[in-house]
Amino acid sequence: MYIILVLLTVLLAYYAVSYSRIRKQLTQTEEKCIALQSADEEAKKNLSRLKSLLDNSPSAIVIIDDHGRFVEVSAVAEKIMGLPKEEIVDKEITQIAPPDMVKKALYVLSQSEIDGQFLESIDVFEFEGNKRYFESRVFPLHDSESNENLYGYLGIDVTDRITAEHALKESEEKYSGYIEHAPYGVFIVDENGRYVEVNKCACAITGYSKEQLLMMSLEDITAKVSLDFARSSFENLKKVGYMKWEFEFVHQNGSIRWCRTDAVKITEDRYLIFAIDMTDEKASEEKLLYIVNHDSLTGLYNRRFYEQTLKLVDVPEQLPLSIIIGDINGLKLINDSFGNLEGDKVIKETARLMESCCREGDVLTRTGGDEFTILLPNTNYEAAVNLLNDIQYACKQYNIHVKNEACHIKLSLGVDTKETVHTSIMQVSKMAED
């Protein structure tokens, strides 16, 4: 199924100077921590749901990076390759993937410009003793924030549809019962796009009864934003005899949903359309990107995103470019003495405090178990030091309300700034870390 991931917004806060305003801010900080904790729990639930989708999806879902390495796979993809996920992720696709999948991957990786291009075909895989047909699609997943190119392989199990198409060719009457109960929406339309026959699944997808649909046309349920595209696609269908397209349609309840269709010409004035509702898959695409680029514990960007963003901001236009690197002191002692749950709490509270001090445009990431890094584009050394001091002050205020001193947040923070293009960003990072 299509995957596209979901992105979090950066929270902004500032500190006042007067005593009365500081007291007010402390109250607001406590309330904010409670709200952020609730949001963090909700984000973890969403991540859990998406991982459940990958584990239970009937489709083969594979994400690779621009080096041809596996980033994510679904349970069905594991079965096709005959390996568990742990033995697939980070391996090169040429090492373990089936030939058809490898061929498509090598093609997209060889293209300098792939945006908007798709490779589609029917792949046949044998697993669990059965031959299954998968309609495959290889497509780009471009992450504009990190400027990273990922590529998705989506293999939808179309064994039932292929069987249905064969059935139609062999005998309409013999297989009419199968079509009626097929797991895909089946529509037969005339040359004007009016429905002349639909099956049960078609009614379920659109929300309309069979009687209602037989009084309607393709245009009647197509959303306005997709109307011109749907019209041109149907005209192409009449010209070439085969067409597939994705469009937004209006459900009977008024909601806007996504549908993917495969259509063939069966007579001079009759066209057969197979349709699936792909609304959930569209929504999952952003969530999948979220998993790839975010730390599951804190919700911050992860090291993968940091490394990609560092390349993106290391340009003259972003100078001066400052980096703050912080380590949590004594985290191992907290884990050993009070357990990992208490250690995780300290990590999450540290992330929230640092995030509350960041400005719009700053990029805060969790780059290690107890390490955090902030990229500060167009920020000189003095401004970066001021932000570092804000973080230290926030930690000090937080610790006032933590009775157990062993669980206080104690950060070692370092900062350095790249002033000219001749300075190595890696040297700046090392100086900040030291």
Protein backbone atom coordinates (compact mmCIF):
# COMPACT_ATOMS: atom_id res chain seq x y z
CA MET A 1 0.00 0.00 0.00
CA TYR A 2 1.09 3.65 -0.59
CA ILE A 3 3.04 5.05 1.84
CA ILE A 4 3.89 8.44 2.10
CA LEU A 5 5.27 9.61 6.36
CA VAL A 6 3.77 12.51 9.29
CA LEU A 7 5.90 15.76 10.51
CA LEU A 8 5.77 17.45 14.01
CA THR A 9 5.89 21.27 14.44
CA VAL A 10 8.59 22.91 16.58
CA LEU A 11 7.25 24.47 19.81
CA LEU A 12 8.40 28.00 20.66
CA ALA A 13 8.87 29.59 24.11
CA TYR A 14 10.85 32.44 25.66
CA TYR A 15 11.79 33.48 29.17
CA ALA A 16 11.08 36.87 30.83
CA VAL A 17 13.34 38.77 33.14
CA SER A 18 11.23 40.01 36.06
CA TYR A 19 10.64 37.82 39.11
CA SER A 20 6.85 37.80 38.75
CA ARG A 21 7.01 36.77 35.07
CA ILE A 22 9.53 34.00 35.87
CA ARG A 23 7.07 32.56 38.40
CA LYS A 24 4.30 32.71 35.80
CA GLN A 25 6.55 30.98 33.23
CA LEU A 26 7.36 28.16 35.65
CA THR A 27 3.63 27.46 35.99
CA GLN A 28 3.22 27.53 32.21
CA THR A 29 6.22 25.21 31.79
CA GLU A 30 4.66 22.64 34.13
CA GLU A 31 1.37 22.80 32.22
CA LYS A 32 3.23 22.55 28.91
CA CYS A 33 5.16 19.46 30.06
CA ILE A 34 1.86 17.76 30.92
CA ALA A 35 0.43 18.63 27.48
CA LEU A 36 3.60 17.53 25.70
CA GLN A 37 3.62 14.26 27.65
CA SER A 38 0.07 13.62 26.43
CA ALA A 39 1.10 14.47 22.84
CA ASP A 40 4.14 12.20 23.16
CA GLU A 41 1.92 9.31 24.30
CA GLU A 42 -0.42 9.95 21.36
CA ALA A 43 2.53 10.03 18.92
CA LYS A 44 3.77 6.69 20.27
CA LYS A 45 0.27 5.25 19.79
CA ASN A 46 0.28 6.45 16.18
CA LEU A 47 3.71 4.90 15.58
CA SER A 48 2.45 1.65 17.07
CA ARG A 49 -0.57 1.69 14.81
CA LEU A 50 1.57 2.28 11.71
CA LYS A 51 3.95 -0.53 12.64
CA SER A 52 0.88 -2.72 13.09
CA LEU A 53 -0.20 -1.72 9.56
CA LEU A 54 3.14 -2.88 8.15
CA ASP A 55 2.89 -6.13 10.08
CA ASN A 56 -0.68 -6.86 8.98
CA SER A 57 -0.85 -5.33 5.50
CA PRO A 58 -1.60 -7.84 2.71
CA SER A 59 0.72 -5.85 0.42
CA ALA A 60 4.46 -6.02 -0.09
CA ILE A 61 5.86 -2.69 1.13
CA VAL A 62 9.56 -1.88 0.81
CA ILE A 63 11.43 1.40 1.38
CA ILE A 64 15.01 1.79 0.15
CA ASP A 65 17.41 4.73 0.38
CA ASP A 66 19.38 6.23 -2.50
CA HIS A 67 22.20 3.76 -1.84
CA GLY A 68 19.94 0.79 -2.51
CA ARG A 69 19.71 -0.25 1.16
CA PHE A 70 16.52 -1.44 2.79
CA VAL A 71 15.02 1.04 5.27
CA GLU A 72 11.64 -0.57 6.02
CA VAL A 73 9.72 -3.70 4.93
CA SER A 74 6.27 -5.12 5.61
CA ALA A 75 5.51 -8.62 6.84
CA VAL A 76 4.51 -9.77 3.33
CA ALA A 77 7.83 -8.48 1.94
CA GLU A 78 9.60 -10.56 4.59
CA LYS A 79 7.76 -13.66 3.36
CA ILE A 80 8.63 -12.94 -0.28
CA MET A 81 12.34 -12.65 0.55
CA GLY A 82 12.24 -15.53 3.02
CA LEU A 83 14.03 -13.54 5.74
CA PRO A 84 13.00 -11.76 8.95
CA LYS A 85 13.02 -7.97 9.00
CA GLU A 86 16.16 -7.88 11.18
CA GLU A 87 18.13 -9.62 8.42
CA ILE A 88 16.76 -7.35 5.67
CA VAL A 89 17.01 -3.76 6.96
CA ASP A 90 20.32 -2.03 6.07
CA LYS A 91 21.17 -4.79 3.55
CA GLU A 92 21.59 -3.89 -0.13
CA ILE A 93 18.59 -4.80 -2.26
CA THR A 94 20.80 -6.60 -4.79
CA GLN A 95 21.82 -9.12 -2.13
CA ILE A 96 18.45 -10.58 -1.18
CA ALA A 97 15.55 -9.19 -3.22
CA PRO A 98 13.84 -11.11 -6.07
CA PRO A 99 15.11 -10.27 -9.60
CA ASP A 100 12.05 -8.22 -10.65
CA MET A 101 12.30 -6.04 -7.54
CA VAL A 102 16.05 -5.57 -8.02
CA LYS A 103 15.62 -4.59 -11.67
CA LYS A 104 13.14 -1.83 -10.82
CA ALA A 105 15.27 -0.57 -7.92
CA LEU A 106 18.44 -0.37 -10.04
CA TYR A 107 16.54 1.57 -12.69
CA VAL A 108 15.20 4.26 -10.35
CA LEU A 109 18.56 4.57 -8.58
CA SER A 110 20.25 5.17 -11.95
CA GLN A 111 17.98 8.08 -12.83
CA SER A 112 19.16 11.61 -12.02
CA GLU A 113 15.60 12.94 -12.09
CA ILE A 114 12.90 10.56 -10.89
CA ASP A 115 10.29 12.94 -9.43
CA GLY A 116 6.83 12.04 -10.65
CA GLN A 117 7.97 8.88 -12.43
CA PHE A 118 6.52 5.48 -11.62
CA LEU A 119 7.43 1.96 -12.71
CA GLU A 120 4.49 -0.41 -12.80
CA SER A 121 4.13 -4.06 -13.72
CA ILE A 122 2.76 -7.39 -12.55
CA ASP A 123 5.23 -9.46 -10.52
CA VAL A 124 4.73 -13.10 -9.68
CA PHE A 125 6.09 -14.43 -6.40
CA GLU A 126 5.85 -17.86 -4.87
CA PHE A 127 5.73 -18.16 -1.10
CA GLU A 128 4.01 -20.37 1.43
CA GLY A 129 3.49 -22.89 -1.38
CA ASN A 130 1.31 -20.58 -3.53
CA LYS A 131 1.80 -18.44 -6.61
CA ARG A 132 0.60 -14.88 -6.02
CA TYR A 133 0.31 -11.96 -8.45
CA PHE A 134 1.44 -8.55 -7.23
CA GLU A 135 0.83 -5.33 -9.09
CA SER A 136 4.06 -3.52 -8.27
CA ARG A 137 4.88 0.12 -8.29
CA VAL A 138 8.24 1.81 -7.64
CA PHE A 139 8.01 5.49 -6.83
CA PRO A 140 10.02 8.31 -5.20
CA LEU A 141 9.45 9.44 -1.61
CA HIS A 142 11.24 12.77 -1.51
CA ASP A 143 11.70 14.30 1.94
CA SER A 144 11.90 18.04 1.29
CA GLU A 145 13.13 18.86 4.81
CA SER A 146 16.21 16.63 4.69
CA ASN A 147 16.53 16.68 0.90
CA GLU A 148 16.81 12.90 1.07
CA ASN A 149 15.58 10.65 -1.70
CA LEU A 150 13.85 7.48 -0.58
CA TYR A 151 12.12 5.03 -2.89
CA GLY A 152 9.09 2.91 -2.25
CA TYR A 153 8.20 -0.48 -3.71
CA LEU A 154 4.52 -1.27 -3.33
CA GLY A 155 3.26 -4.68 -4.36
CA ILE A 156 -0.51 -5.02 -4.09
CA ASP A 157 -1.76 -8.60 -4.09
CA VAL A 158 -3.98 -8.66 -7.20
CA THR A 159 -4.33 -12.41 -7.47
CA ASP A 160 -8.09 -12.12 -7.08
CA ARG A 161 -8.27 -9.38 -9.71
CA ILE A 162 -6.13 -11.28 -12.19
CA THR A 163 -8.31 -14.33 -11.63
CA ALA A 164 -11.36 -12.14 -12.19
CA GLU A 165 -9.97 -10.73 -15.44
CA HIS A 166 -9.28 -14.24 -16.69
CA ALA A 167 -12.73 -15.21 -15.59
CA LEU A 168 -14.32 -12.43 -17.62
CA LYS A 169 -12.43 -13.42 -20.71
CA GLU A 170 -13.37 -17.10 -20.36
CA SER A 171 -17.01 -16.82 -19.45
CA GLU A 172 -19.03 -13.92 -18.05
CA GLU A 173 -21.87 -16.12 -16.91
CA LYS A 174 -19.71 -18.79 -15.31
CA TYR A 175 -17.84 -16.33 -13.13
CA SER A 176 -20.51 -13.69 -12.50
CA GLY A 177 -20.86 -14.86 -8.91
CA TYR A 178 -17.14 -14.43 -8.32
CA ILE A 179 -17.24 -10.87 -9.70
CA GLU A 180 -20.17 -10.01 -7.44
CA HIS A 181 -18.25 -11.07 -4.35
CA ALA A 182 -14.78 -9.92 -5.48
CA PRO A 183 -12.78 -7.93 -2.89
CA TYR A 184 -12.40 -5.09 -5.42
CA GLY A 185 -14.99 -2.61 -6.53
CA VAL A 186 -16.15 -3.65 -10.02
CA PHE A 187 -17.90 -1.07 -12.21
CA ILE A 188 -19.09 -1.46 -15.78
CA VAL A 189 -19.72 1.85 -17.53
CA ASP A 190 -20.89 2.89 -20.98
CA GLU A 191 -19.15 5.24 -23.41
CA ASN A 192 -20.57 8.25 -21.52
CA GLY A 193 -19.19 7.07 -18.20
CA ARG A 194 -22.58 6.06 -16.81
CA TYR A 195 -22.70 2.99 -14.58
CA VAL A 196 -24.53 0.03 -16.09
CA GLU A 197 -23.42 -2.61 -13.53
CA VAL A 198 -21.66 -2.59 -10.15
CA ASN A 199 -20.83 -5.22 -7.54
CA LYS A 200 -21.23 -5.22 -3.74
CA CYS A 201 -17.74 -3.92 -3.08
CA ALA A 202 -18.34 -0.97 -5.42
CA CYS A 203 -21.33 -0.03 -3.29
CA ALA A 204 -19.28 -0.41 -0.10
CA ILE A 205 -16.48 1.82 -1.45
CA THR A 206 -18.79 4.63 -2.55
CA GLY A 207 -21.46 4.29 0.13
CA TYR A 208 -24.23 4.28 -2.48
CA SER A 209 -26.70 1.47 -3.11
CA LYS A 210 -26.64 -0.38 -6.42
CA GLU A 211 -29.86 1.32 -7.45
CA GLN A 212 -28.39 4.75 -6.76
CA LEU A 213 -25.15 4.06 -8.64
CA LEU A 214 -27.00 2.80 -11.72
CA MET A 215 -28.56 6.26 -11.98
CA MET A 216 -25.17 8.01 -11.75
CA SER A 217 -21.96 8.46 -13.74
CA LEU A 218 -18.24 8.67 -13.02
CA GLU A 219 -18.43 12.45 -12.92
CA ASP A 220 -21.23 12.40 -10.34
CA ILE A 221 -18.99 10.95 -7.62
CA THR A 222 -15.66 12.50 -8.66
CA ALA A 223 -14.42 15.32 -6.42
CA LYS A 224 -14.05 18.71 -8.12
CA VAL A 225 -10.28 18.74 -7.67
CA SER A 226 -9.99 15.50 -9.68
CA LEU A 227 -12.71 16.14 -12.25
CA ASP A 228 -10.55 17.34 -15.17
CA PHE A 229 -8.03 14.55 -14.60
CA ALA A 230 -10.78 11.91 -14.43
CA ARG A 231 -12.31 13.18 -17.66
CA SER A 232 -9.02 13.06 -19.56
CA SER A 233 -8.23 9.61 -18.15
CA PHE A 234 -11.58 8.26 -19.31
CA GLU A 235 -11.03 9.74 -22.78
CA ASN A 236 -7.65 8.00 -22.93
CA LEU A 237 -9.32 4.76 -21.88
CA LYS A 238 -11.67 5.00 -24.85
CA LYS A 239 -8.74 5.65 -27.19
CA VAL A 240 -6.20 3.05 -26.04
CA GLY A 241 -8.44 0.46 -24.39
CA TYR A 242 -6.61 0.38 -21.05
CA MET A 243 -6.03 2.98 -18.36
CA LYS A 244 -5.26 3.34 -14.67
CA TRP A 245 -5.59 6.44 -12.57
CA GLU A 246 -5.94 7.70 -9.01
CA PHE A 247 -8.49 10.30 -8.09
CA GLU A 248 -10.43 11.78 -5.20
CA PHE A 249 -14.12 10.94 -5.00
CA VAL A 250 -17.02 12.04 -2.85
CA HIS A 251 -18.39 9.30 -0.60
CA GLN A 252 -22.13 9.14 -0.01
CA ASN A 253 -21.56 10.57 3.49
CA GLY A 254 -19.88 13.65 2.00
CA SER A 255 -16.29 12.78 2.91
CA ILE A 256 -13.51 13.05 0.33
CA ARG A 257 -11.65 9.77 -0.22
CA TRP A 258 -8.98 8.40 -2.57
CA CYS A 259 -9.56 5.67 -5.13
CA ARG A 260 -7.26 3.81 -7.51
CA THR A 261 -8.76 2.36 -10.68
CA ASP A 262 -7.67 -0.06 -13.40
CA ALA A 263 -9.91 0.01 -16.44
CA VAL A 264 -10.14 -2.04 -19.67
CA LYS A 265 -12.33 -1.84 -22.72
CA ILE A 266 -14.48 -4.98 -23.06
CA THR A 267 -16.73 -3.98 -25.98
CA GLU A 268 -17.20 -0.94 -28.20
CA ASP A 269 -19.44 0.74 -25.63
CA ARG A 270 -18.61 -1.04 -22.36
CA TYR A 271 -15.66 -0.54 -20.02
CA LEU A 272 -14.71 -2.60 -16.99
CA ILE A 273 -13.25 -0.72 -14.00
CA PHE A 274 -11.63 -2.29 -10.95
CA ALA A 275 -11.36 0.07 -7.99
CA ILE A 276 -9.86 0.07 -4.50
CA ASP A 277 -10.19 2.65 -1.73
CA MET A 278 -6.66 3.86 -0.96
CA THR A 279 -7.50 6.66 1.51
CA ASP A 280 -5.76 4.99 4.44
CA GLU A 281 -2.65 4.27 2.37
CA LYS A 282 -2.38 7.94 1.36
CA ALA A 283 -2.61 8.94 5.01
CA SER A 284 0.03 6.36 5.97
CA GLU A 285 2.63 7.76 3.59
CA GLU A 286 3.47 10.75 5.76
CA LYS A 287 3.41 8.58 8.89
CA LEU A 288 5.95 6.24 7.34
CA LEU A 289 8.28 9.14 6.61
CA TYR A 290 7.83 10.20 10.22
CA ILE A 291 9.06 6.81 11.46
CA VAL A 292 12.10 6.98 9.19
CA ASN A 293 13.17 10.43 10.38
CA HIS A 294 12.16 10.59 14.04
CA ASP A 295 13.28 9.17 17.36
CA SER A 296 10.45 7.03 18.78
CA LEU A 297 11.15 7.91 22.43
CA THR A 298 11.31 11.71 22.26
CA GLY A 299 9.60 12.52 18.97
CA LEU A 300 12.64 14.58 17.96
CA TYR A 301 14.43 14.17 14.66
CA ASN A 302 16.92 11.29 14.70
CA ARG A 303 20.57 10.96 13.63
CA ARG A 304 19.53 9.94 10.11
CA PHE A 305 17.64 13.21 9.67
CA TYR A 306 20.47 15.19 11.30
CA GLU A 307 23.07 13.85 8.86
CA GLN A 308 20.88 14.69 5.88
CA THR A 309 20.03 18.16 7.19
CA LEU A 310 23.68 18.92 7.97
CA LYS A 311 24.48 18.48 4.27
CA LEU A 312 21.55 20.72 3.37
CA VAL A 313 22.48 23.64 5.66
CA ASP A 314 26.24 23.49 5.08
CA VAL A 315 26.05 26.15 2.36
CA PRO A 316 27.20 29.79 2.21
CA GLU A 317 23.64 31.11 2.47
CA GLN A 318 23.27 29.60 5.97
CA LEU A 319 26.45 31.15 7.42
CA PRO A 320 27.22 31.74 10.20
CA LEU A 321 26.20 28.17 11.08
CA SER A 322 26.40 27.20 14.75
CA ILE A 323 26.17 23.78 16.39
CA ILE A 324 25.29 22.98 20.00
CA ILE A 325 25.97 19.47 21.27
CA GLY A 326 24.76 18.28 24.67
CA ASP A 327 25.22 15.09 26.70
CA ILE A 328 23.17 13.99 29.71
CA ASN A 329 25.52 13.39 32.60
CA GLY A 330 24.90 10.34 34.78
CA LEU A 331 22.25 8.72 32.59
CA LYS A 332 23.78 5.26 32.98
CA LEU A 333 23.77 5.66 36.75
CA ILE A 334 20.09 6.61 36.69
CA ASN A 335 19.28 3.54 34.54
CA ASP A 336 21.26 1.25 36.83
CA SER A 337 19.87 2.70 40.05
CA PHE A 338 16.24 3.43 39.19
CA GLY A 339 15.57 1.46 35.99
CA ASN A 340 15.27 2.31 32.31
CA LEU A 341 11.83 3.88 32.75
CA GLU A 342 13.29 6.60 34.94
CA GLY A 343 16.17 7.00 32.49
CA ASP A 344 13.70 7.34 29.61
CA LYS A 345 11.83 10.00 31.59
CA VAL A 346 15.02 12.04 32.00
CA ILE A 347 15.72 11.74 28.26
CA LYS A 348 12.21 12.89 27.35
CA GLU A 349 12.23 15.78 29.83
CA THR A 350 15.61 16.89 28.49
CA ALA A 351 14.24 16.84 24.94
CA ARG A 352 11.23 18.94 25.96
CA LEU A 353 13.29 21.51 27.81
CA MET A 354 15.73 21.90 24.91
CA GLU A 355 12.88 22.11 22.43
CA SER A 356 11.20 24.84 24.48
CA CYS A 357 14.34 26.96 24.14
CA CYS A 358 14.81 26.51 20.40
CA ARG A 359 13.77 29.15 17.92
CA GLU A 360 11.95 28.76 14.64
CA GLY A 361 14.41 27.37 12.11
CA ASP A 362 16.60 25.62 14.69
CA VAL A 363 16.90 21.85 14.16
CA LEU A 364 16.98 19.83 17.39
CA THR A 365 17.87 16.14 17.04
CA ARG A 366 18.58 13.20 19.30
CA THR A 367 21.81 11.91 17.80
CA GLY A 368 22.63 9.24 20.40
CA GLY A 369 21.43 7.57 23.56
CA ASP A 370 22.26 10.55 25.78
CA GLU A 371 23.34 13.02 23.07
CA PHE A 372 21.39 15.89 21.53
CA THR A 373 22.50 18.20 18.72
CA ILE A 374 21.07 21.53 17.60
CA LEU A 375 21.79 23.02 14.17
CA LEU A 376 21.50 26.82 14.17
CA PRO A 377 21.53 28.25 10.62
CA ASN A 378 22.31 31.98 10.26
CA THR A 379 23.33 32.17 13.92
CA ASN A 380 26.57 33.69 15.17
CA TYR A 381 28.57 32.43 18.12
CA GLU A 382 27.18 34.96 20.59
CA ALA A 383 23.57 34.08 19.79
CA ALA A 384 24.37 30.38 20.03
CA VAL A 385 25.93 30.88 23.47
CA ASN A 386 22.82 32.75 24.59
CA LEU A 387 20.68 29.77 23.52
CA LEU A 388 23.03 27.41 25.37
CA ASN A 389 22.59 29.52 28.51
CA ASP A 390 18.81 29.43 28.10
CA ILE A 391 18.93 25.63 28.03
CA GLN A 392 21.08 25.50 31.17
CA TYR A 393 18.71 27.88 32.94
CA ALA A 394 15.67 25.80 31.91
CA CYS A 395 17.30 22.67 33.33
CA LYS A 396 18.12 24.49 36.57
CA GLN A 397 14.51 25.59 36.97
CA TYR A 398 13.26 22.09 36.21
CA ASN A 399 15.57 20.54 38.83
CA ILE A 400 14.08 22.77 41.53
CA HIS A 401 10.89 20.72 41.33
CA VAL A 402 12.59 17.30 41.28
CA LYS A 403 13.10 16.08 44.84
CA ASN A 404 15.47 13.23 43.98
CA GLU A 405 18.75 14.95 43.14
CA ALA A 406 20.01 11.79 41.45
CA CYS A 407 17.35 12.34 38.76
CA HIS A 408 18.24 15.99 38.11
CA ILE A 409 18.97 16.89 34.50
CA LYS A 410 22.64 17.72 34.21
CA LEU A 411 23.78 18.63 30.72
CA SER A 412 27.27 19.07 29.37
CA LEU A 413 26.87 21.53 26.51
CA GLY A 414 29.35 22.69 23.89
CA VAL A 415 29.06 25.16 21.03
CA ASP A 416 31.03 26.23 17.97
CA THR A 417 30.33 28.28 14.85
CA LYS A 418 31.29 28.00 11.21
CA GLU A 419 31.99 31.53 10.04
CA THR A 420 33.45 30.97 6.55
CA VAL A 421 33.08 28.48 3.72
CA HIS A 422 36.67 27.39 4.21
CA THR A 423 35.94 25.89 7.64
CA SER A 424 35.03 22.20 7.77
CA ILE A 425 31.60 21.59 9.31
CA MET A 426 32.91 18.33 10.75
CA GLN A 427 35.65 20.25 12.56
CA VAL A 428 33.03 22.64 13.93
CA SER A 429 30.98 19.67 15.15
CA LYS A 430 34.02 18.13 16.80
CA MET A 431 34.88 21.40 18.56
CA ALA A 432 31.31 21.68 19.86
CA GLU A 433 31.45 18.10 21.11
CA ASP A 434 34.78 18.60 22.83
